Amino acid sequence: MSDVSDTPGPQPIDNDGDVAARARRAEDLPLPDRADVFAGLHDELRTRLENGGTASA
């Protein structure tokens, strides 16, 4: 069974911790979905940094 959905809309970007890879995958999304993904990455990185984590963790 495939994890890929046939429904339109943003595809989930897995939370693998590799921000660069996640950003590259987001580039393939339509612009509105891409903006949502980058906003989510921004929020995640901000939270990590505020909590004393690192961007690569």
C-alpha atoms as a PDB file:
ATOM      1  CA  MET A   1       0.000   0.000   0.000  1.00  0.00           C
ATOM      2  CA  SER A   2       1.301   3.447  -0.894  1.00  0.00           C
ATOM      3  CA  ASP A   3       1.612   6.347   1.560  1.00  0.00           C
ATOM      4  CA  VAL A   4       1.045   8.837  -1.271  1.00  0.00           C
ATOM      5  CA  SER A   5      -2.383  10.446  -1.283  1.00  0.00           C
ATOM      6  CA  ASP A   6      -4.345  11.125  -4.470  1.00  0.00           C
ATOM      7  CA  THR A   7      -6.063  14.129  -2.887  1.00  0.00           C
ATOM      8  CA  PRO A   8      -4.902  17.618  -3.831  1.00  0.00           C
ATOM      9  CA  GLY A   9      -3.229  19.869  -1.323  1.00  0.00           C
ATOM     10  CA  PRO A  10       0.046  19.987   0.523  1.00  0.00           C
ATOM     11  CA  GLN A  11       1.908  16.742   0.808  1.00  0.00           C
ATOM     12  CA  PRO A  12       3.322  16.128   4.254  1.00  0.00           C
ATOM     13  CA  ILE A  13       7.001  16.817   4.641  1.00  0.00           C
ATOM     14  CA  ASP A  14       8.375  14.118   6.882  1.00  0.00           C
ATOM     15  CA  ASN A  15       9.923  15.261  10.113  1.00  0.00           C
ATOM     16  CA  ASP A  16      13.315  13.639   9.531  1.00  0.00           C
ATOM     17  CA  GLY A  17      15.315  16.527  10.936  1.00  0.00           C
ATOM     18  CA  ASP A  18      17.113  17.221   7.658  1.00  0.00           C
ATOM     19  CA  VAL A  19      15.935  20.770   7.075  1.00  0.00           C
ATOM     20  CA  ALA A  20      17.818  21.171   3.794  1.00  0.00           C
ATOM     21  CA  ALA A  21      16.270  18.014   2.323  1.00  0.00           C
ATOM     22  CA  ARG A  22      12.821  19.032   3.511  1.00  0.00           C
ATOM     23  CA  ALA A  23      13.246  22.464   1.932  1.00  0.00           C
ATOM     24  CA  ARG A  24      14.347  20.885  -1.368  1.00  0.00           C
ATOM     25  CA  ARG A  25      11.268  18.643  -1.386  1.00  0.00           C
ATOM     26  CA  ALA A  26       9.050  21.654  -0.645  1.00  0.00           C
ATOM     27  CA  GLU A  27      10.333  23.356  -3.797  1.00  0.00           C
ATOM     28  CA  ASP A  28       8.371  20.822  -5.882  1.00  0.00           C
ATOM     29  CA  LEU A  29       5.048  21.867  -4.338  1.00  0.00           C
ATOM     30  CA  PRO A  30       2.653  24.460  -5.765  1.00  0.00           C
ATOM     31  CA  LEU A  31       3.383  27.962  -4.464  1.00  0.00           C
ATOM     32  CA  PRO A  32       0.628  28.180  -1.786  1.00  0.00           C
ATOM     33  CA  ASP A  33       1.555  24.751  -0.407  1.00  0.00           C
ATOM     34  CA  ARG A  34       5.251  25.606  -0.574  1.00  0.00           C
ATOM     35  CA  ALA A  35       4.628  28.744   1.477  1.00  0.00           C
ATOM     36  CA  ASP A  36       2.822  26.693   4.137  1.00  0.00           C
ATOM     37  CA  VAL A  37       5.667  24.183   4.323  1.00  0.00           C
ATOM     38  CA  PHE A  38       8.322  26.892   4.640  1.00  0.00           C
ATOM     39  CA  ALA A  39       6.266  28.630   7.336  1.00  0.00           C
ATOM     40  CA  GLY A  40       6.113  25.328   9.213  1.00  0.00           C
ATOM     41  CA  LEU A  41       9.866  24.808   8.854  1.00  0.00           C
ATOM     42  CA  HIS A  42      10.436  28.331  10.147  1.00  0.00           C
ATOM     43  CA  ASP A  43       8.234  27.717  13.180  1.00  0.00           C
ATOM     44  CA  GLU A  44       9.942  24.403  13.903  1.00  0.00           C
ATOM     45  CA  LEU A  45      13.430  25.906  13.686  1.00  0.00           C
ATOM     46  CA  ARG A  46      12.434  28.849  15.860  1.00  0.00           C
ATOM     47  CA  THR A  47      11.032  26.498  18.498  1.00  0.00           C
ATOM     48  CA  ARG A  48      14.165  24.330  18.435  1.00  0.00           C
ATOM     49  CA  LEU A  49      16.413  27.347  18.841  1.00  0.00           C
ATOM     50  CA  GLU A  50      14.291  28.893  21.590  1.00  0.00           C
ATOM     51  CA  ASN A  51      14.412  25.586  23.470  1.00  0.00           C
ATOM     52  CA  GLY A  52      18.184  25.389  23.217  1.00  0.00           C
ATOM     53  CA  GLY A  53      18.213  22.845  20.406  1.00  0.00           C
ATOM     54  CA  THR A  54      20.130  23.098  17.177  1.00  0.00           C
ATOM     55  CA  ALA A  55      18.876  23.461  13.643  1.00  0.00           C
ATOM     56  CA  SER A  56      20.451  20.133  12.741  1.00  0.00           C
ATOM     57  CA  ALA A  57      18.969  18.155  15.641  1.00  0.00           C
END
